[in-house]
Amino acid sequence: MKTFLSLGCGVIFTFLACSKQEPVNFVAKDDTRATYDTTAIDSFSNGAISVDIARKIRMSSQVYQDSLLEVLKVEKEMARLKVEELEKNKKNKETDANENVKEIAPTPSAP
């Protein structure tokens, strides 16, 4: 009877020890591991950022895009001013030519 009782207790302890439940407080909840890759990357390794990619990143920034828009506005303004100046010069040449034609043209004389 002692063996039967000890065998029964052993089976019960085995079932309790091999339960499917997670042990309480087994893993600390305040895990301080980084969520990103912390491996140091040397500039000649496969994971290093190339100059072209870094340039694309800089070009995609909002400040760079704003500066491009500002440059385009200045260029349009310069082109508009140049066109206005050319039109003004053209009008001046036309008026000068008309004045010269009036001076050269003989006045009709009476017979």
N, C-alpha and C. Protein backbone atom coordinates (compact mmCIF):
# COMPACT_ATOMS: atom_id res chain seq x y z
N MET A 1 0.80 -1.16 0.00
CA MET A 1 0.00 0.00 0.00
C MET A 1 0.86 1.26 0.00
N LYS A 2 2.00 1.22 0.66
CA LYS A 2 2.89 2.36 0.64
C LYS A 2 3.38 2.61 -0.78
N THR A 3 3.68 1.59 -1.51
CA THR A 3 4.17 1.77 -2.88
C THR A 3 3.06 2.33 -3.77
N PHE A 4 1.84 1.85 -3.55
CA PHE A 4 0.73 2.35 -4.34
C PHE A 4 0.49 3.83 -4.06
N LEU A 5 0.61 4.23 -2.80
CA LEU A 5 0.42 5.62 -2.41
C LEU A 5 1.56 6.47 -2.95
N SER A 6 2.80 6.01 -2.86
CA SER A 6 3.93 6.77 -3.38
C SER A 6 3.87 6.85 -4.90
N LEU A 7 3.43 5.78 -5.56
CA LEU A 7 3.29 5.80 -7.01
C LEU A 7 2.21 6.79 -7.42
N GLY A 8 1.12 6.84 -6.72
CA GLY A 8 0.05 7.79 -7.00
C GLY A 8 0.50 9.22 -6.80
N CYS A 9 1.25 9.50 -5.72
CA CYS A 9 1.77 10.85 -5.48
C CYS A 9 2.77 11.23 -6.57
N GLY A 10 3.59 10.29 -7.02
CA GLY A 10 4.56 10.56 -8.08
C GLY A 10 3.87 10.91 -9.39
N VAL A 11 2.80 10.20 -9.71
CA VAL A 11 2.04 10.49 -10.93
C VAL A 11 1.40 11.86 -10.83
N ILE A 12 0.84 12.21 -9.70
CA ILE A 12 0.20 13.52 -9.52
C ILE A 12 1.24 14.64 -9.64
N PHE A 13 2.41 14.47 -9.02
CA PHE A 13 3.47 15.48 -9.12
C PHE A 13 3.97 15.61 -10.56
N THR A 14 4.03 14.51 -11.28
CA THR A 14 4.47 14.55 -12.68
C THR A 14 3.47 15.34 -13.52
N PHE A 15 2.18 15.10 -13.32
CA PHE A 15 1.17 15.85 -14.06
C PHE A 15 1.21 17.34 -13.72
N LEU A 16 1.44 17.64 -12.46
CA LEU A 16 1.52 19.04 -12.06
C LEU A 16 2.77 19.71 -12.63
N ALA A 17 3.87 18.99 -12.67
CA ALA A 17 5.12 19.55 -13.16
C ALA A 17 5.08 19.72 -14.69
N CYS A 18 4.37 18.89 -15.40
CA CYS A 18 4.33 18.94 -16.86
C CYS A 18 3.08 19.63 -17.37
N SER A 19 2.54 20.57 -16.63
CA SER A 19 1.32 21.24 -17.08
C SER A 19 1.64 22.19 -18.24
N LYS A 20 0.64 22.54 -19.01
CA LYS A 20 0.80 23.38 -20.20
C LYS A 20 0.78 24.87 -19.86
N GLN A 21 0.51 25.22 -18.63
CA GLN A 21 0.44 26.62 -18.26
C GLN A 21 1.83 27.22 -18.15
N GLU A 22 1.90 28.54 -18.49
CA GLU A 22 3.16 29.27 -18.36
C GLU A 22 3.43 29.54 -16.89
N PRO A 23 4.64 29.45 -16.47
CA PRO A 23 4.96 29.81 -15.09
C PRO A 23 4.75 31.31 -14.88
N VAL A 24 4.31 31.69 -13.74
CA VAL A 24 4.02 33.08 -13.42
C VAL A 24 5.33 33.83 -13.24
N ASN A 25 5.41 35.06 -13.84
CA ASN A 25 6.59 35.93 -13.73
C ASN A 25 7.87 35.25 -14.21
N PHE A 26 7.74 34.47 -15.26
CA PHE A 26 8.94 33.80 -15.80
C PHE A 26 9.80 34.79 -16.59
N VAL A 27 9.17 35.65 -17.41
CA VAL A 27 9.90 36.63 -18.21
C VAL A 27 9.57 38.02 -17.68
N ALA A 28 10.60 38.82 -17.53
CA ALA A 28 10.39 40.18 -17.05
C ALA A 28 9.65 40.99 -18.11
N LYS A 29 8.65 41.77 -17.71
CA LYS A 29 7.87 42.56 -18.65
C LYS A 29 8.60 43.81 -19.09
N ASP A 30 9.51 44.30 -18.31
CA ASP A 30 10.28 45.49 -18.67
C ASP A 30 11.52 45.06 -19.44
N ASP A 31 11.30 44.72 -20.69
CA ASP A 31 12.41 44.28 -21.53
C ASP A 31 13.09 45.51 -22.13
N THR A 32 14.36 45.66 -21.90
CA THR A 32 15.07 46.86 -22.33
C THR A 32 15.85 46.65 -23.62
N ARG A 33 15.54 45.60 -24.35
CA ARG A 33 16.25 45.37 -25.61
C ARG A 33 15.80 46.39 -26.64
N ALA A 34 16.71 46.78 -27.53
CA ALA A 34 16.39 47.73 -28.59
C ALA A 34 15.54 47.05 -29.65
N THR A 35 14.64 47.80 -30.25
CA THR A 35 13.75 47.26 -31.28
C THR A 35 14.37 47.37 -32.67
N TYR A 36 15.56 47.89 -32.75
CA TYR A 36 16.23 48.05 -34.03
C TYR A 36 17.57 47.33 -34.00
N ASP A 37 18.17 47.21 -35.16
CA ASP A 37 19.44 46.51 -35.27
C ASP A 37 20.55 47.40 -34.73
N THR A 38 21.30 46.91 -33.76
CA THR A 38 22.37 47.70 -33.15
C THR A 38 23.75 47.27 -33.60
N THR A 39 23.80 46.45 -34.63
CA THR A 39 25.08 45.99 -35.12
C THR A 39 25.80 47.14 -35.81
N ALA A 40 27.06 47.33 -35.45
CA ALA A 40 27.84 48.40 -36.08
C ALA A 40 28.10 48.04 -37.53
N ILE A 41 27.88 49.01 -38.42
CA ILE A 41 28.09 48.77 -39.85
C ILE A 41 29.23 49.65 -40.31
N ASP A 42 30.20 49.01 -40.87
CA ASP A 42 31.35 49.72 -41.38
C ASP A 42 31.04 50.23 -42.78
N SER A 43 31.69 51.29 -43.21
CA SER A 43 31.32 51.95 -44.46
C SER A 43 31.59 51.10 -45.70
N PHE A 44 32.33 50.01 -45.56
CA PHE A 44 32.60 49.16 -46.71
C PHE A 44 31.80 47.86 -46.67
N SER A 45 30.94 47.70 -45.69
CA SER A 45 30.18 46.46 -45.58
C SER A 45 28.94 46.51 -46.46
N ASN A 46 28.23 45.39 -46.53
CA ASN A 46 27.06 45.29 -47.40
C ASN A 46 25.91 46.15 -46.94
N GLY A 47 25.76 46.43 -45.67
CA GLY A 47 24.62 47.18 -45.17
C GLY A 47 24.83 48.67 -45.09
N ALA A 48 25.99 49.16 -45.47
CA ALA A 48 26.28 50.58 -45.36
C ALA A 48 25.46 51.38 -46.38
N ILE A 49 25.11 52.60 -46.04
CA ILE A 49 24.34 53.47 -46.93
C ILE A 49 25.29 54.09 -47.95
N SER A 50 24.95 53.94 -49.22
CA SER A 50 25.80 54.51 -50.25
C SER A 50 25.56 56.01 -50.37
N VAL A 51 26.43 56.68 -51.05
CA VAL A 51 26.34 58.11 -51.24
C VAL A 51 25.07 58.46 -52.01
N ASP A 52 24.72 57.65 -53.00
CA ASP A 52 23.53 57.91 -53.81
C ASP A 52 22.26 57.84 -52.98
N ILE A 53 22.18 56.84 -52.11
CA ILE A 53 20.99 56.69 -51.27
C ILE A 53 20.91 57.84 -50.27
N ALA A 54 22.04 58.23 -49.70
CA ALA A 54 22.04 59.35 -48.76
C ALA A 54 21.61 60.63 -49.48
N ARG A 55 22.02 60.81 -50.73
CA ARG A 55 21.62 61.98 -51.51
C ARG A 55 20.12 61.96 -51.77
N LYS A 56 19.56 60.79 -52.08
CA LYS A 56 18.12 60.68 -52.30
C LYS A 56 17.35 61.02 -51.03
N ILE A 57 17.87 60.59 -49.89
CA ILE A 57 17.21 60.89 -48.62
C ILE A 57 17.22 62.39 -48.37
N ARG A 58 18.35 63.04 -48.61
CA ARG A 58 18.43 64.48 -48.41
C ARG A 58 17.52 65.22 -49.38
N MET A 59 17.46 64.75 -50.63
CA MET A 59 16.65 65.41 -51.64
C MET A 59 15.16 65.27 -51.34
N SER A 60 14.79 64.23 -50.65
CA SER A 60 13.37 64.02 -50.36
C SER A 60 12.91 64.81 -49.14
N SER A 61 13.83 65.46 -48.47
CA SER A 61 13.44 66.21 -47.28
C SER A 61 12.61 67.43 -47.66
N GLN A 62 11.76 67.87 -46.78
CA GLN A 62 10.85 68.98 -47.04
C GLN A 62 11.60 70.28 -47.27
N VAL A 63 12.68 70.51 -46.54
CA VAL A 63 13.44 71.75 -46.68
C VAL A 63 14.03 71.84 -48.09
N TYR A 64 14.54 70.71 -48.60
CA TYR A 64 15.12 70.70 -49.93
C TYR A 64 14.05 70.98 -50.97
N GLN A 65 12.89 70.34 -50.83
CA GLN A 65 11.80 70.55 -51.78
C GLN A 65 11.34 72.01 -51.76
N ASP A 66 11.26 72.61 -50.56
CA ASP A 66 10.87 74.01 -50.46
C ASP A 66 11.89 74.92 -51.14
N SER A 67 13.17 74.62 -50.98
CA SER A 67 14.19 75.46 -51.61
C SER A 67 14.12 75.33 -53.13
N LEU A 68 13.79 74.15 -53.64
CA LEU A 68 13.63 73.99 -55.09
C LEU A 68 12.47 74.83 -55.60
N LEU A 69 11.36 74.83 -54.88
CA LEU A 69 10.22 75.64 -55.29
C LEU A 69 10.56 77.13 -55.28
N GLU A 70 11.33 77.55 -54.30
CA GLU A 70 11.73 78.94 -54.22
C GLU A 70 12.62 79.32 -55.40
N VAL A 71 13.54 78.45 -55.78
CA VAL A 71 14.41 78.70 -56.92
C VAL A 71 13.59 78.78 -58.20
N LEU A 72 12.60 77.90 -58.35
CA LEU A 72 11.75 77.94 -59.54
C LEU A 72 10.97 79.25 -59.62
N LYS A 73 10.48 79.73 -58.48
CA LYS A 73 9.76 81.00 -58.48
C LYS A 73 10.66 82.13 -58.91
N VAL A 74 11.89 82.16 -58.40
CA VAL A 74 12.84 83.22 -58.77
C VAL A 74 13.16 83.15 -60.26
N GLU A 75 13.36 81.93 -60.79
CA GLU A 75 13.66 81.78 -62.22
C GLU A 75 12.50 82.25 -63.08
N LYS A 76 11.26 81.94 -62.70
CA LYS A 76 10.10 82.40 -63.45
C LYS A 76 10.01 83.92 -63.43
N GLU A 77 10.27 84.51 -62.28
CA GLU A 77 10.23 85.97 -62.17
C GLU A 77 11.29 86.60 -63.05
N MET A 78 12.49 86.03 -63.07
CA MET A 78 13.57 86.55 -63.91
C MET A 78 13.20 86.43 -65.39
N ALA A 79 12.60 85.30 -65.78
CA ALA A 79 12.19 85.13 -67.17
C ALA A 79 11.10 86.13 -67.54
N ARG A 80 10.15 86.37 -66.65
CA ARG A 80 9.09 87.33 -66.91
C ARG A 80 9.66 88.74 -67.07
N LEU A 81 10.61 89.11 -66.21
CA LEU A 81 11.23 90.43 -66.31
C LEU A 81 12.00 90.58 -67.61
N LYS A 82 12.67 89.51 -68.03
CA LYS A 82 13.44 89.55 -69.27
C LYS A 82 12.52 89.73 -70.47
N VAL A 83 11.38 89.02 -70.46
CA VAL A 83 10.40 89.15 -71.55
C VAL A 83 9.84 90.57 -71.58
N GLU A 84 9.52 91.12 -70.43
CA GLU A 84 9.01 92.49 -70.37
C GLU A 84 10.04 93.48 -70.90
N GLU A 85 11.30 93.28 -70.55
CA GLU A 85 12.36 94.17 -71.01
C GLU A 85 12.52 94.08 -72.52
N LEU A 86 12.45 92.86 -73.07
CA LEU A 86 12.56 92.69 -74.52
C LEU A 86 11.38 93.37 -75.23
N GLU A 87 10.17 93.22 -74.69
CA GLU A 87 9.01 93.88 -75.29
C GLU A 87 9.15 95.40 -75.24
N LYS A 88 9.65 95.90 -74.14
CA LYS A 88 9.85 97.34 -74.00
C LYS A 88 10.87 97.85 -75.02
N ASN A 89 11.98 97.11 -75.17
CA ASN A 89 12.99 97.48 -76.16
C ASN A 89 12.43 97.42 -77.56
N LYS A 90 11.60 96.42 -77.83
CA LYS A 90 11.00 96.28 -79.16
C LYS A 90 10.08 97.46 -79.45
N LYS A 91 9.28 97.88 -78.48
CA LYS A 91 8.39 99.02 -78.66
C LYS A 91 9.19 100.29 -78.87
N ASN A 92 10.28 100.44 -78.11
CA ASN A 92 11.14 101.62 -78.28
C ASN A 92 11.73 101.65 -79.67
N LYS A 93 12.16 100.53 -80.18
CA LYS A 93 12.75 100.47 -81.53
C LYS A 93 11.68 100.80 -82.57
N GLU A 94 10.46 100.31 -82.38
CA GLU A 94 9.38 100.59 -83.33
C GLU A 94 9.04 102.07 -83.34
N THR A 95 8.98 102.67 -82.16
CA THR A 95 8.66 104.11 -82.12
C THR A 95 9.80 104.92 -82.71
N ASP A 96 11.05 104.52 -82.46
CA ASP A 96 12.20 105.21 -83.05
C ASP A 96 12.17 105.07 -84.58
N ALA A 97 11.83 103.89 -85.06
CA ALA A 97 11.78 103.66 -86.51
C ALA A 97 10.66 104.49 -87.13
N ASN A 98 9.51 104.59 -86.46
CA ASN A 98 8.40 105.40 -86.98
C ASN A 98 8.78 106.87 -87.02
N GLU A 99 9.52 107.36 -86.02
CA GLU A 99 9.95 108.75 -86.02
C GLU A 99 10.94 109.02 -87.14
N ASN A 100 11.84 108.05 -87.38
CA ASN A 100 12.82 108.21 -88.45
C ASN A 100 12.13 108.22 -89.81
N VAL A 101 11.11 107.40 -89.99
CA VAL A 101 10.39 107.34 -91.26
C VAL A 101 9.67 108.67 -91.49
N LYS A 102 9.12 109.27 -90.47
CA LYS A 102 8.43 110.54 -90.60
C LYS A 102 9.40 111.64 -90.99
N GLU A 103 10.62 111.58 -90.43
CA GLU A 103 11.62 112.59 -90.76
C GLU A 103 12.10 112.44 -92.19
N ILE A 104 12.26 111.23 -92.67
CA ILE A 104 12.78 110.98 -94.00
C ILE A 104 11.70 111.20 -95.07
N ALA A 105 10.51 110.88 -94.78
CA ALA A 105 9.43 110.99 -95.77
C ALA A 105 9.21 112.45 -96.13
N PRO A 106 9.14 112.73 -97.45
CA PRO A 106 8.91 114.12 -97.87
C PRO A 106 7.47 114.53 -97.61
N THR A 107 7.34 115.76 -97.32
CA THR A 107 5.99 116.28 -97.07
C THR A 107 5.36 116.61 -98.43
N PRO A 108 4.11 116.35 -98.59
CA PRO A 108 3.51 116.65 -99.89
C PRO A 108 3.48 118.18 -100.12
N SER A 109 3.87 118.55 -101.31
CA SER A 109 3.91 119.98 -101.63
C SER A 109 2.72 120.33 -102.53
N ALA A 110 2.31 121.52 -102.44
CA ALA A 110 1.17 121.95 -103.23
C ALA A 110 1.65 122.41 -104.60
N PRO A 111 0.97 122.12 -105.74
CA PRO A 111 1.42 122.56 -107.08
C PRO A 111 1.00 123.94 -107.46
